[in-house]
Amino acid sequence: MNFFEKITGSDMAKEYKNFELRAKKLPSDYQAAWEKINLYIWEHTDFTGRNLMPIINGVLELLEETSAEGQSAQEVLGDDIKGFCSALVGDEGANSFRDKWRQQLNNNIARKLGK
C-alpha cells in the first residue's frame, strides 16, 4: 500500500468491493446475515475502518465455508447477530474511536488526580 492509497482509502474501497462480490455468491439467507453483520460491525470501527477489514474478511470466509458445508446462517451465527459482531470485535481487540476517547479521558483524570 502506498501513501496515496493509505490517505484516500482507495485500497480499502477495492478490498470492500471484493467482499461484496464474494457475498453475492452466497445463498440468500447468508446474504441477509451479511447485510446485518455490515450494519452492526461498523459500530466498532476506528475513524478509518482499517481495524475491521481483517475481521470482515474472516467473517466472510466463515460464511463461505459453512455455506459450502450446507449449514444454515442461523445455525452458524445464531439469532443475535449484533451480539455475534460485538463478541467477534471484542475478541479481536478492535477498539472503536469511543474506546480510545474513553481511555484518553481515564488517563487524563488519573493524571489530574496524581495516580
PDB file of N, CA and C in Angstrom:
ATOM      1  N   MET A   1       0.848  -1.160   0.000  1.00  0.00           N
ATOM      2  CA  MET A   1       0.000   0.000   0.000  1.00  0.00           C
ATOM      3  C   MET A   1       0.903   1.235   0.000  1.00  0.00           C
ATOM      4  N   ASN A   2       0.658   2.120  -0.936  1.00  0.00           N
ATOM      5  CA  ASN A   2       1.453   3.336  -0.985  1.00  0.00           C
ATOM      6  C   ASN A   2       0.772   4.461  -0.201  1.00  0.00           C
ATOM      7  N   PHE A   3       1.446   5.564  -0.097  1.00  0.00           N
ATOM      8  CA  PHE A   3       0.969   6.697   0.697  1.00  0.00           C
ATOM      9  C   PHE A   3      -0.385   7.201   0.196  1.00  0.00           C
ATOM     10  N   PHE A   4      -0.534   7.340  -1.111  1.00  0.00           N
ATOM     11  CA  PHE A   4      -1.784   7.838  -1.687  1.00  0.00           C
ATOM     12  C   PHE A   4      -2.959   6.938  -1.338  1.00  0.00           C
ATOM     13  N   GLU A   5      -2.765   5.622  -1.449  1.00  0.00           N
ATOM     14  CA  GLU A   5      -3.839   4.685  -1.122  1.00  0.00           C
ATOM     15  C   GLU A   5      -4.209   4.769   0.351  1.00  0.00           C
ATOM     16  N   LYS A   6      -3.213   4.916   1.191  1.00  0.00           N
ATOM     17  CA  LYS A   6      -3.473   4.986   2.623  1.00  0.00           C
ATOM     18  C   LYS A   6      -4.252   6.248   2.980  1.00  0.00           C
ATOM     19  N   ILE A   7      -3.897   7.365   2.381  1.00  0.00           N
ATOM     20  CA  ILE A   7      -4.565   8.631   2.679  1.00  0.00           C
ATOM     21  C   ILE A   7      -5.987   8.637   2.135  1.00  0.00           C
ATOM     22  N   THR A   8      -6.192   8.181   0.921  1.00  0.00           N
ATOM     23  CA  THR A   8      -7.513   8.236   0.301  1.00  0.00           C
ATOM     24  C   THR A   8      -8.403   7.064   0.677  1.00  0.00           C
ATOM     25  N   GLY A   9      -7.806   5.960   1.111  1.00  0.00           N
ATOM     26  CA  GLY A   9      -8.598   4.777   1.427  1.00  0.00           C
ATOM     27  C   GLY A   9      -9.001   3.983   0.203  1.00  0.00           C
ATOM     28  N   SER A  10      -8.373   4.252  -0.938  1.00  0.00           N
ATOM     29  CA  SER A  10      -8.751   3.547  -2.167  1.00  0.00           C
ATOM     30  C   SER A  10      -8.454   2.058  -2.075  1.00  0.00           C
ATOM     31  N   ASP A  11      -7.433   1.687  -1.326  1.00  0.00           N
ATOM     32  CA  ASP A  11      -7.134   0.272  -1.158  1.00  0.00           C
ATOM     33  C   ASP A  11      -8.261  -0.430  -0.403  1.00  0.00           C
ATOM     34  N   MET A  12      -8.840   0.243   0.577  1.00  0.00           N
ATOM     35  CA  MET A  12      -9.947  -0.339   1.333  1.00  0.00           C
ATOM     36  C   MET A  12     -11.204  -0.434   0.476  1.00  0.00           C
ATOM     37  N   ALA A  13     -11.425   0.550  -0.372  1.00  0.00           N
ATOM     38  CA  ALA A  13     -12.600   0.521  -1.241  1.00  0.00           C
ATOM     39  C   ALA A  13     -12.535  -0.673  -2.186  1.00  0.00           C
ATOM     40  N   LYS A  14     -11.358  -0.931  -2.736  1.00  0.00           N
ATOM     41  CA  LYS A  14     -11.194  -2.091  -3.623  1.00  0.00           C
ATOM     42  C   LYS A  14     -11.426  -3.384  -2.871  1.00  0.00           C
ATOM     43  N   GLU A  15     -10.853  -3.466  -1.672  1.00  0.00           N
ATOM     44  CA  GLU A  15     -10.996  -4.678  -0.874  1.00  0.00           C
ATOM     45  C   GLU A  15     -12.456  -4.899  -0.492  1.00  0.00           C
ATOM     46  N   TYR A  16     -13.150  -3.837  -0.122  1.00  0.00           N
ATOM     47  CA  TYR A  16     -14.545  -3.973   0.272  1.00  0.00           C
ATOM     48  C   TYR A  16     -15.427  -4.363  -0.914  1.00  0.00           C
ATOM     49  N   LYS A  17     -15.129  -3.854  -2.083  1.00  0.00           N
ATOM     50  CA  LYS A  17     -15.879  -4.264  -3.281  1.00  0.00           C
ATOM     51  C   LYS A  17     -15.701  -5.752  -3.538  1.00  0.00           C
ATOM     52  N   ASN A  18     -14.498  -6.252  -3.303  1.00  0.00           N
ATOM     53  CA  ASN A  18     -14.263  -7.694  -3.441  1.00  0.00           C
ATOM     54  C   ASN A  18     -15.072  -8.476  -2.419  1.00  0.00           C
ATOM     55  N   PHE A  19     -15.181  -7.956  -1.194  1.00  0.00           N
ATOM     56  CA  PHE A  19     -16.002  -8.604  -0.181  1.00  0.00           C
ATOM     57  C   PHE A  19     -17.450  -8.690  -0.646  1.00  0.00           C
ATOM     58  N   GLU A  20     -17.948  -7.601  -1.189  1.00  0.00           N
ATOM     59  CA  GLU A  20     -19.337  -7.571  -1.656  1.00  0.00           C
ATOM     60  C   GLU A  20     -19.566  -8.549  -2.806  1.00  0.00           C
ATOM     61  N   LEU A  21     -18.616  -8.651  -3.716  1.00  0.00           N
ATOM     62  CA  LEU A  21     -18.740  -9.609  -4.814  1.00  0.00           C
ATOM     63  C   LEU A  21     -18.764 -11.045  -4.291  1.00  0.00           C
ATOM     64  N   ARG A  22     -17.929 -11.324  -3.310  1.00  0.00           N
ATOM     65  CA  ARG A  22     -17.911 -12.661  -2.709  1.00  0.00           C
ATOM     66  C   ARG A  22     -19.221 -12.940  -1.981  1.00  0.00           C
ATOM     67  N   ALA A  23     -19.770 -11.936  -1.311  1.00  0.00           N
ATOM     68  CA  ALA A  23     -21.008 -12.115  -0.557  1.00  0.00           C
ATOM     69  C   ALA A  23     -22.194 -12.375  -1.480  1.00  0.00           C
ATOM     70  N   LYS A  24     -22.176 -11.799  -2.677  1.00  0.00           N
ATOM     71  CA  LYS A  24     -23.276 -12.008  -3.624  1.00  0.00           C
ATOM     72  C   LYS A  24     -23.343 -13.451  -4.118  1.00  0.00           C
ATOM     73  N   LYS A  25     -22.263 -14.199  -3.974  1.00  0.00           N
ATOM     74  CA  LYS A  25     -22.237 -15.600  -4.390  1.00  0.00           C
ATOM     75  C   LYS A  25     -22.813 -16.530  -3.328  1.00  0.00           C
ATOM     76  N   LEU A  26     -23.091 -15.997  -2.141  1.00  0.00           N
ATOM     77  CA  LEU A  26     -23.616 -16.802  -1.042  1.00  0.00           C
ATOM     78  C   LEU A  26     -25.115 -17.043  -1.212  1.00  0.00           C
ATOM     79  N   PRO A  27     -25.658 -18.071  -0.548  1.00  0.00           N
ATOM     80  CA  PRO A  27     -27.110 -18.278  -0.558  1.00  0.00           C
ATOM     81  C   PRO A  27     -27.845 -17.085   0.066  1.00  0.00           C
ATOM     82  N   SER A  28     -29.129 -16.993  -0.188  1.00  0.00           N
ATOM     83  CA  SER A  28     -29.894 -15.809   0.227  1.00  0.00           C
ATOM     84  C   SER A  28     -29.916 -15.600   1.738  1.00  0.00           C
ATOM     85  N   ASP A  29     -29.996 -16.676   2.541  1.00  0.00           N
ATOM     86  CA  ASP A  29     -30.011 -16.469   3.990  1.00  0.00           C
ATOM     87  C   ASP A  29     -28.663 -15.950   4.480  1.00  0.00           C
ATOM     88  N   TYR A  30     -27.596 -16.363   3.836  1.00  0.00           N
ATOM     89  CA  TYR A  30     -26.274 -15.846   4.186  1.00  0.00           C
ATOM     90  C   TYR A  30     -26.111 -14.401   3.742  1.00  0.00           C
ATOM     91  N   GLN A  31     -26.695 -14.044   2.609  1.00  0.00           N
ATOM     92  CA  GLN A  31     -26.626 -12.656   2.151  1.00  0.00           C
ATOM     93  C   GLN A  31     -27.368 -11.738   3.114  1.00  0.00           C
ATOM     94  N   ALA A  32     -28.507 -12.201   3.625  1.00  0.00           N
ATOM     95  CA  ALA A  32     -29.251 -11.404   4.609  1.00  0.00           C
ATOM     96  C   ALA A  32     -28.439 -11.253   5.889  1.00  0.00           C
ATOM     97  N   ALA A  33     -27.777 -12.314   6.319  1.00  0.00           N
ATOM     98  CA  ALA A  33     -26.927 -12.248   7.508  1.00  0.00           C
ATOM     99  C   ALA A  33     -25.755 -11.309   7.265  1.00  0.00           C
ATOM    100  N   TRP A  34     -25.182 -11.351   6.074  1.00  0.00           N
ATOM    101  CA  TRP A  34     -24.062 -10.471   5.721  1.00  0.00           C
ATOM    102  C   TRP A  34     -24.480  -9.009   5.822  1.00  0.00           C
ATOM    103  N   GLU A  35     -25.682  -8.691   5.361  1.00  0.00           N
ATOM    104  CA  GLU A  35     -26.176  -7.317   5.442  1.00  0.00           C
ATOM    105  C   GLU A  35     -26.306  -6.873   6.896  1.00  0.00           C
ATOM    106  N   LYS A  36     -26.820  -7.760   7.755  1.00  0.00           N
ATOM    107  CA  LYS A  36     -26.944  -7.421   9.173  1.00  0.00           C
ATOM    108  C   LYS A  36     -25.572  -7.267   9.827  1.00  0.00           C
ATOM    109  N   ILE A  37     -24.644  -8.133   9.459  1.00  0.00           N
ATOM    110  CA  ILE A  37     -23.289  -8.036  10.003  1.00  0.00           C
ATOM    111  C   ILE A  37     -22.676  -6.697   9.618  1.00  0.00           C
ATOM    112  N   ASN A  38     -22.841  -6.292   8.376  1.00  0.00           N
ATOM    113  CA  ASN A  38     -22.321  -4.994   7.935  1.00  0.00           C
ATOM    114  C   ASN A  38     -22.969  -3.842   8.690  1.00  0.00           C
ATOM    115  N   LEU A  39     -24.213  -3.998   9.028  1.00  0.00           N
ATOM    116  CA  LEU A  39     -24.910  -2.959   9.774  1.00  0.00           C
ATOM    117  C   LEU A  39     -24.319  -2.795  11.173  1.00  0.00           C
ATOM    118  N   TYR A  40     -24.047  -3.907  11.842  1.00  0.00           N
ATOM    119  CA  TYR A  40     -23.622  -3.854  13.236  1.00  0.00           C
ATOM    120  C   TYR A  40     -22.114  -3.745  13.442  1.00  0.00           C
ATOM    121  N   ILE A  41     -21.335  -4.321  12.563  1.00  0.00           N
ATOM    122  CA  ILE A  41     -19.895  -4.376  12.815  1.00  0.00           C
ATOM    123  C   ILE A  41     -19.236  -3.010  12.669  1.00  0.00           C
ATOM    124  N   TRP A  42     -19.804  -2.152  11.844  1.00  0.00           N
ATOM    125  CA  TRP A  42     -19.191  -0.841  11.625  1.00  0.00           C
ATOM    126  C   TRP A  42     -19.345   0.082  12.823  1.00  0.00           C
ATOM    127  N   GLU A  43     -20.140  -0.322  13.817  1.00  0.00           N
ATOM    128  CA  GLU A  43     -20.231   0.459  15.051  1.00  0.00           C
ATOM    129  C   GLU A  43     -18.916   0.412  15.823  1.00  0.00           C
ATOM    130  N   HIS A  44     -18.070  -0.550  15.522  1.00  0.00           N
ATOM    131  CA  HIS A  44     -16.835  -0.779  16.267  1.00  0.00           C
ATOM    132  C   HIS A  44     -15.591  -0.298  15.519  1.00  0.00           C
ATOM    133  N   THR A  45     -15.768   0.549  14.562  1.00  0.00           N
ATOM    134  CA  THR A  45     -14.640   0.983  13.755  1.00  0.00           C
ATOM    135  C   THR A  45     -13.896   2.146  14.398  1.00  0.00           C
ATOM    136  N   ASP A  46     -12.626   2.256  14.041  1.00  0.00           N
ATOM    137  CA  ASP A  46     -11.932   3.496  14.341  1.00  0.00           C
ATOM    138  C   ASP A  46     -12.317   4.453  13.214  1.00  0.00           C
ATOM    139  N   PHE A  47     -11.694   5.583  13.103  1.00  0.00           N
ATOM    140  CA  PHE A  47     -12.114   6.546  12.080  1.00  0.00           C
ATOM    141  C   PHE A  47     -11.894   6.051  10.658  1.00  0.00           C
ATOM    142  N   THR A  48     -10.906   5.214  10.453  1.00  0.00           N
ATOM    143  CA  THR A  48     -10.587   4.789   9.094  1.00  0.00           C
ATOM    144  C   THR A  48     -11.301   3.514   8.677  1.00  0.00           C
ATOM    145  N   GLY A  49     -11.574   2.630   9.592  1.00  0.00           N
ATOM    146  CA  GLY A  49     -12.169   1.344   9.260  1.00  0.00           C
ATOM    147  C   GLY A  49     -11.154   0.253   8.991  1.00  0.00           C
ATOM    148  N   ARG A  50      -9.885   0.610   8.987  1.00  0.00           N
ATOM    149  CA  ARG A  50      -8.835  -0.373   8.712  1.00  0.00           C
ATOM    150  C   ARG A  50      -8.781  -1.468   9.766  1.00  0.00           C
ATOM    151  N   ASN A  51      -9.184  -1.152  10.986  1.00  0.00           N
ATOM    152  CA  ASN A  51      -9.138  -2.158  12.039  1.00  0.00           C
ATOM    153  C   ASN A  51     -10.136  -3.285  11.807  1.00  0.00           C
ATOM    154  N   LEU A  52     -11.157  -3.046  11.005  1.00  0.00           N
ATOM    155  CA  LEU A  52     -12.190  -4.061  10.788  1.00  0.00           C
ATOM    156  C   LEU A  52     -11.982  -4.905   9.538  1.00  0.00           C
ATOM    157  N   MET A  53     -11.143  -4.484   8.637  1.00  0.00           N
ATOM    158  CA  MET A  53     -11.006  -5.209   7.371  1.00  0.00           C
ATOM    159  C   MET A  53     -10.581  -6.668   7.566  1.00  0.00           C
ATOM    160  N   PRO A  54      -9.606  -6.984   8.411  1.00  0.00           N
ATOM    161  CA  PRO A  54      -9.271  -8.397   8.608  1.00  0.00           C
ATOM    162  C   PRO A  54     -10.403  -9.180   9.281  1.00  0.00           C
ATOM    163  N   ILE A  55     -11.140  -8.511  10.163  1.00  0.00           N
ATOM    164  CA  ILE A  55     -12.257  -9.170  10.843  1.00  0.00           C
ATOM    165  C   ILE A  55     -13.363  -9.474   9.848  1.00  0.00           C
ATOM    166  N   ILE A  56     -13.676  -8.516   9.004  1.00  0.00           N
ATOM    167  CA  ILE A  56     -14.721  -8.713   7.991  1.00  0.00           C
ATOM    168  C   ILE A  56     -14.324  -9.828   7.036  1.00  0.00           C
ATOM    169  N   ASN A  57     -13.065  -9.874   6.657  1.00  0.00           N
ATOM    170  CA  ASN A  57     -12.578 -10.940   5.794  1.00  0.00           C
ATOM    171  C   ASN A  57     -12.769 -12.302   6.475  1.00  0.00           C
ATOM    172  N   GLY A  58     -12.453 -12.382   7.754  1.00  0.00           N
ATOM    173  CA  GLY A  58     -12.627 -13.635   8.489  1.00  0.00           C
ATOM    174  C   GLY A  58     -14.076 -14.067   8.578  1.00  0.00           C
ATOM    175  N   VAL A  59     -14.971 -13.108   8.800  1.00  0.00           N
ATOM    176  CA  VAL A  59     -16.398 -13.424   8.850  1.00  0.00           C
ATOM    177  C   VAL A  59     -16.875 -13.934   7.503  1.00  0.00           C
ATOM    178  N   LEU A  60     -16.449 -13.293   6.449  1.00  0.00           N
ATOM    179  CA  LEU A  60     -16.861 -13.711   5.111  1.00  0.00           C
ATOM    180  C   LEU A  60     -16.334 -15.107   4.794  1.00  0.00           C
ATOM    181  N   GLU A  61     -15.111 -15.406   5.190  1.00  0.00           N
ATOM    182  CA  GLU A  61     -14.567 -16.757   4.994  1.00  0.00           C
ATOM    183  C   GLU A  61     -15.381 -17.778   5.772  1.00  0.00           C
ATOM    184  N   LEU A  62     -15.780 -17.434   7.003  1.00  0.00           N
ATOM    185  CA  LEU A  62     -16.628 -18.324   7.796  1.00  0.00           C
ATOM    186  C   LEU A  62     -17.941 -18.592   7.086  1.00  0.00           C
ATOM    187  N   LEU A  63     -18.554 -17.548   6.566  1.00  0.00           N
ATOM    188  CA  LEU A  63     -19.829 -17.711   5.856  1.00  0.00           C
ATOM    189  C   LEU A  63     -19.665 -18.559   4.598  1.00  0.00           C
ATOM    190  N   GLU A  64     -18.586 -18.353   3.872  1.00  0.00           N
ATOM    191  CA  GLU A  64     -18.348 -19.134   2.655  1.00  0.00           C
ATOM    192  C   GLU A  64     -18.146 -20.614   2.977  1.00  0.00           C
ATOM    193  N   GLU A  65     -17.355 -20.893   4.011  1.00  0.00           N
ATOM    194  CA  GLU A  65     -17.073 -22.282   4.371  1.00  0.00           C
ATOM    195  C   GLU A  65     -18.321 -22.997   4.873  1.00  0.00           C
ATOM    196  N   THR A  66     -19.081 -22.348   5.739  1.00  0.00           N
ATOM    197  CA  THR A  66     -20.254 -23.012   6.299  1.00  0.00           C
ATOM    198  C   THR A  66     -21.382 -23.153   5.283  1.00  0.00           C
ATOM    199  N   SER A  67     -21.480 -22.227   4.347  1.00  0.00           N
ATOM    200  CA  SER A  67     -22.495 -22.389   3.300  1.00  0.00           C
ATOM    201  C   SER A  67     -22.123 -23.538   2.380  1.00  0.00           C
ATOM    202  N   ALA A  68     -20.828 -23.722   2.137  1.00  0.00           N
ATOM    203  CA  ALA A  68     -20.371 -24.847   1.313  1.00  0.00           C
ATOM    204  C   ALA A  68     -20.638 -26.174   2.008  1.00  0.00           C
ATOM    205  N   GLU A  69     -20.632 -26.169   3.340  1.00  0.00           N
ATOM    206  CA  GLU A  69     -20.913 -27.385   4.104  1.00  0.00           C
ATOM    207  C   GLU A  69     -22.402 -27.658   4.226  1.00  0.00           C
ATOM    208  N   GLY A  70     -23.238 -26.704   3.807  1.00  0.00           N
ATOM    209  CA  GLY A  70     -24.676 -26.907   3.816  1.00  0.00           C
ATOM    210  C   GLY A  70     -25.376 -26.461   5.091  1.00  0.00           C
ATOM    211  N   GLN A  71     -24.683 -25.777   5.966  1.00  0.00           N
ATOM    212  CA  GLN A  71     -25.314 -25.281   7.184  1.00  0.00           C
ATOM    213  C   GLN A  71     -26.085 -24.004   6.879  1.00  0.00           C
ATOM    214  N   SER A  72     -27.108 -23.747   7.692  1.00  0.00           N
ATOM    215  CA  SER A  72     -27.853 -22.505   7.520  1.00  0.00           C
ATOM    216  C   SER A  72     -27.141 -21.380   8.256  1.00  0.00           C
ATOM    217  N   ALA A  73     -27.453 -20.166   7.874  1.00  0.00           N
ATOM    218  CA  ALA A  73     -26.822 -18.999   8.511  1.00  0.00           C
ATOM    219  C   ALA A  73     -27.201 -18.920   9.979  1.00  0.00           C
ATOM    220  N   GLN A  74     -28.421 -19.306  10.306  1.00  0.00           N
ATOM    221  CA  GLN A  74     -28.863 -19.250  11.699  1.00  0.00           C
ATOM    222  C   GLN A  74     -28.118 -20.271  12.553  1.00  0.00           C
ATOM    223  N   GLU A  75     -27.803 -21.430  11.998  1.00  0.00           N
ATOM    224  CA  GLU A  75     -27.017 -22.421  12.738  1.00  0.00           C
ATOM    225  C   GLU A  75     -25.631 -21.884  13.069  1.00  0.00           C
ATOM    226  N   VAL A  76     -25.076 -21.139  12.163  1.00  0.00           N
ATOM    227  CA  VAL A  76     -23.707 -20.645  12.324  1.00  0.00           C
ATOM    228  C   VAL A  76     -23.663 -19.421  13.228  1.00  0.00           C
ATOM    229  N   LEU A  77     -24.548 -18.464  12.997  1.00  0.00           N
ATOM    230  CA  LEU A  77     -24.481 -17.178  13.684  1.00  0.00           C
ATOM    231  C   LEU A  77     -25.419 -17.060  14.870  1.00  0.00           C
ATOM    232  N   GLY A  78     -26.460 -17.889  14.907  1.00  0.00           N
ATOM    233  CA  GLY A  78     -27.451 -17.773  15.960  1.00  0.00           C
ATOM    234  C   GLY A  78     -28.451 -16.675  15.645  1.00  0.00           C
ATOM    235  N   ASP A  79     -29.250 -16.331  16.648  1.00  0.00           N
ATOM    236  CA  ASP A  79     -30.291 -15.324  16.451  1.00  0.00           C
ATOM    237  C   ASP A  79     -29.815 -13.900  16.709  1.00  0.00           C
ATOM    238  N   ASP A  80     -28.753 -13.757  17.491  1.00  0.00           N
ATOM    239  CA  ASP A  80     -28.280 -12.437  17.899  1.00  0.00           C
ATOM    240  C   ASP A  80     -27.040 -12.042  17.101  1.00  0.00           C
ATOM    241  N   ILE A  81     -27.257 -11.507  15.914  1.00  0.00           N
ATOM    242  CA  ILE A  81     -26.134 -11.127  15.055  1.00  0.00           C
ATOM    243  C   ILE A  81     -25.400  -9.931  15.641  1.00  0.00           C
ATOM    244  N   LYS A  82     -26.115  -9.015  16.278  1.00  0.00           N
ATOM    245  CA  LYS A  82     -25.457  -7.867  16.904  1.00  0.00           C
ATOM    246  C   LYS A  82     -24.521  -8.348  18.013  1.00  0.00           C
ATOM    247  N   GLY A  83     -24.961  -9.288  18.813  1.00  0.00           N
ATOM    248  CA  GLY A  83     -24.110  -9.857  19.859  1.00  0.00           C
ATOM    249  C   GLY A  83     -22.927 -10.611  19.279  1.00  0.00           C
ATOM    250  N   PHE A  84     -23.152 -11.314  18.169  1.00  0.00           N
ATOM    251  CA  PHE A  84     -22.079 -12.017  17.481  1.00  0.00           C
ATOM    252  C   PHE A  84     -21.000 -11.031  17.040  1.00  0.00           C
ATOM    253  N   CYS A  85     -21.408  -9.912  16.449  1.00  0.00           N
ATOM    254  CA  CYS A  85     -20.453  -8.902  15.981  1.00  0.00           C
ATOM    255  C   CYS A  85     -19.703  -8.278  17.153  1.00  0.00           C
ATOM    256  N   SER A  86     -20.419  -7.974  18.226  1.00  0.00           N
ATOM    257  CA  SER A  86     -19.762  -7.387  19.397  1.00  0.00           C
ATOM    258  C   SER A  86     -18.745  -8.336  19.992  1.00  0.00           C
ATOM    259  N   ALA A  87     -19.117  -9.600  20.110  1.00  0.00           N
ATOM    260  CA  ALA A  87     -18.187 -10.589  20.658  1.00  0.00           C
ATOM    261  C   ALA A  87     -16.992 -10.784  19.739  1.00  0.00           C
ATOM    262  N   LEU A  88     -17.240 -10.831  18.454  1.00  0.00           N
ATOM    263  CA  LEU A  88     -16.166 -11.024  17.490  1.00  0.00           C
ATOM    264  C   LEU A  88     -15.185  -9.861  17.523  1.00  0.00           C
ATOM    265  N   VAL A  89     -15.671  -8.671  17.508  1.00  0.00           N
ATOM    266  CA  VAL A  89     -14.807  -7.498  17.508  1.00  0.00           C
ATOM    267  C   VAL A  89     -14.088  -7.376  18.852  1.00  0.00           C
ATOM    268  N   GLY A  90     -14.770  -7.694  19.933  1.00  0.00           N
ATOM    269  CA  GLY A  90     -14.139  -7.649  21.248  1.00  0.00           C
ATOM    270  C   GLY A  90     -13.031  -8.667  21.382  1.00  0.00           C
ATOM    271  N   ASP A  91     -13.235  -9.870  20.855  1.00  0.00           N
ATOM    272  CA  ASP A  91     -12.209 -10.908  20.901  1.00  0.00           C
ATOM    273  C   ASP A  91     -10.992 -10.526  20.082  1.00  0.00           C
ATOM    274  N   GLU A  92     -11.201  -9.806  18.998  1.00  0.00           N
ATOM    275  CA  GLU A  92     -10.103  -9.410  18.125  1.00  0.00           C
ATOM    276  C   GLU A  92      -9.381  -8.172  18.655  1.00  0.00           C
ATOM    277  N   GLY A  93      -9.966  -7.520  19.651  1.00  0.00           N
ATOM    278  CA  GLY A  93      -9.318  -6.342  20.233  1.00  0.00           C
ATOM    279  C   GLY A  93      -9.416  -5.091  19.393  1.00  0.00           C
ATOM    280  N   ALA A  94     -10.412  -5.013  18.540  1.00  0.00           N
ATOM    281  CA  ALA A  94     -10.590  -3.814  17.722  1.00  0.00           C
ATOM    282  C   ALA A  94     -11.229  -2.730  18.566  1.00  0.00           C
ATOM    283  N   ASN A  95     -10.524  -1.665  18.776  1.00  0.00           N
ATOM    284  CA  ASN A  95     -11.024  -0.555  19.568  1.00  0.00           C
ATOM    285  C   ASN A  95     -11.668   0.470  18.666  1.00  0.00           C
ATOM    286  N   SER A  96     -12.861   0.912  19.051  1.00  0.00           N
ATOM    287  CA  SER A  96     -13.520   1.964  18.297  1.00  0.00           C
ATOM    288  C   SER A  96     -12.989   3.310  18.759  1.00  0.00           C
ATOM    289  N   PHE A  97     -13.392   4.356  18.094  1.00  0.00           N
ATOM    290  CA  PHE A  97     -12.957   5.689  18.495  1.00  0.00           C
ATOM    291  C   PHE A  97     -13.490   6.023  19.881  1.00  0.00           C
ATOM    292  N   ARG A  98     -14.659   5.484  20.236  1.00  0.00           N
ATOM    293  CA  ARG A  98     -15.209   5.709  21.573  1.00  0.00           C
ATOM    294  C   ARG A  98     -14.331   5.072  22.641  1.00  0.00           C
ATOM    295  N   ASP A  99     -13.833   3.865  22.363  1.00  0.00           N
ATOM    296  CA  ASP A  99     -12.927   3.203  23.310  1.00  0.00           C
ATOM    297  C   ASP A  99     -11.657   4.021  23.501  1.00  0.00           C
ATOM    298  N   LYS A 100     -11.137   4.552  22.416  1.00  0.00           N
ATOM    299  CA  LYS A 100      -9.917   5.359  22.503  1.00  0.00           C
ATOM    300  C   LYS A 100     -10.161   6.640  23.293  1.00  0.00           C
ATOM    301  N   TRP A 101     -11.304   7.289  23.044  1.00  0.00           N
ATOM    302  CA  TRP A 101     -11.624   8.504  23.779  1.00  0.00           C
ATOM    303  C   TRP A 101     -11.836   8.200  25.265  1.00  0.00           C
ATOM    304  N   ARG A 102     -12.486   7.088  25.559  1.00  0.00           N
ATOM    305  CA  ARG A 102     -12.710   6.697  26.947  1.00  0.00           C
ATOM    306  C   ARG A 102     -11.375   6.474  27.657  1.00  0.00           C
ATOM    307  N   GLN A 103     -10.460   5.793  27.000  1.00  0.00           N
ATOM    308  CA  GLN A 103      -9.147   5.552  27.586  1.00  0.00           C
ATOM    309  C   GLN A 103      -8.390   6.856  27.791  1.00  0.00           C
ATOM    310  N   GLN A 104      -8.488   7.749  26.824  1.00  0.00           N
ATOM    311  CA  GLN A 104      -7.821   9.043  26.953  1.00  0.00           C
ATOM    312  C   GLN A 104      -8.401   9.839  28.122  1.00  0.00           C
ATOM    313  N   LEU A 105      -9.718   9.827  28.277  1.00  0.00           N
ATOM    314  CA  LEU A 105     -10.366  10.515  29.388  1.00  0.00           C
ATOM    315  C   LEU A 105      -9.927   9.919  30.718  1.00  0.00           C
ATOM    316  N   ASN A 106      -9.894   8.598  30.811  1.00  0.00           N
ATOM    317  CA  ASN A 106      -9.453   7.942  32.038  1.00  0.00           C
ATOM    318  C   ASN A 106      -8.001   8.295  32.366  1.00  0.00           C
ATOM    319  N   ASN A 107      -7.158   8.320  31.358  1.00  0.00           N
ATOM    320  CA  ASN A 107      -5.749   8.693  31.584  1.00  0.00           C
ATOM    321  C   ASN A 107      -5.620  10.131  32.054  1.00  0.00           C
ATOM    322  N   ASN A 108      -6.390  11.036  31.466  1.00  0.00           N
ATOM    323  CA  ASN A 108      -6.344  12.450  31.872  1.00  0.00           C
ATOM    324  C   ASN A 108      -6.819  12.628  33.307  1.00  0.00           C
ATOM    325  N   ILE A 109      -7.884  11.939  33.670  1.00  0.00           N
ATOM    326  CA  ILE A 109      -8.396  12.033  35.041  1.00  0.00           C
ATOM    327  C   ILE A 109      -7.384  11.464  36.021  1.00  0.00           C
ATOM    328  N   ALA A 110      -6.813  10.321  35.694  1.00  0.00           N
ATOM    329  CA  ALA A 110      -5.805   9.720  36.573  1.00  0.00           C
ATOM    330  C   ALA A 110      -4.605  10.637  36.740  1.00  0.00           C
ATOM    331  N   ARG A 111      -4.189  11.284  35.665  1.00  0.00           N
ATOM    332  CA  ARG A 111      -3.052  12.207  35.726  1.00  0.00           C
ATOM    333  C   ARG A 111      -3.378  13.411  36.609  1.00  0.00           C
ATOM    334  N   LYS A 112      -4.605  13.950  36.482  1.00  0.00           N
ATOM    335  CA  LYS A 112      -5.017  15.102  37.289  1.00  0.00           C
ATOM    336  C   LYS A 112      -5.108  14.740  38.769  1.00  0.00           C
ATOM    337  N   LEU A 113      -5.509  13.508  39.052  1.00  0.00           N
ATOM    338  CA  LEU A 113      -5.611  13.061  40.438  1.00  0.00           C
ATOM    339  C   LEU A 113      -4.275  12.623  40.999  1.00  0.00           C
ATOM    340  N   GLY A 114      -3.273  12.592  40.162  1.00  0.00           N
ATOM    341  CA  GLY A 114      -1.934  12.226  40.602  1.00  0.00           C
ATOM    342  C   GLY A 114      -1.726  10.743  40.784  1.00  0.00           C
ATOM    343  N   LYS A 115      -2.460   9.939  40.040  1.00  0.00           N
ATOM    344  CA  LYS A 115      -2.325   8.476  40.150  1.00  0.00           C
ATOM    345  C   LYS A 115      -1.519   7.916  39.034  1.00  0.00           C
TER     346      LYS A 115
END
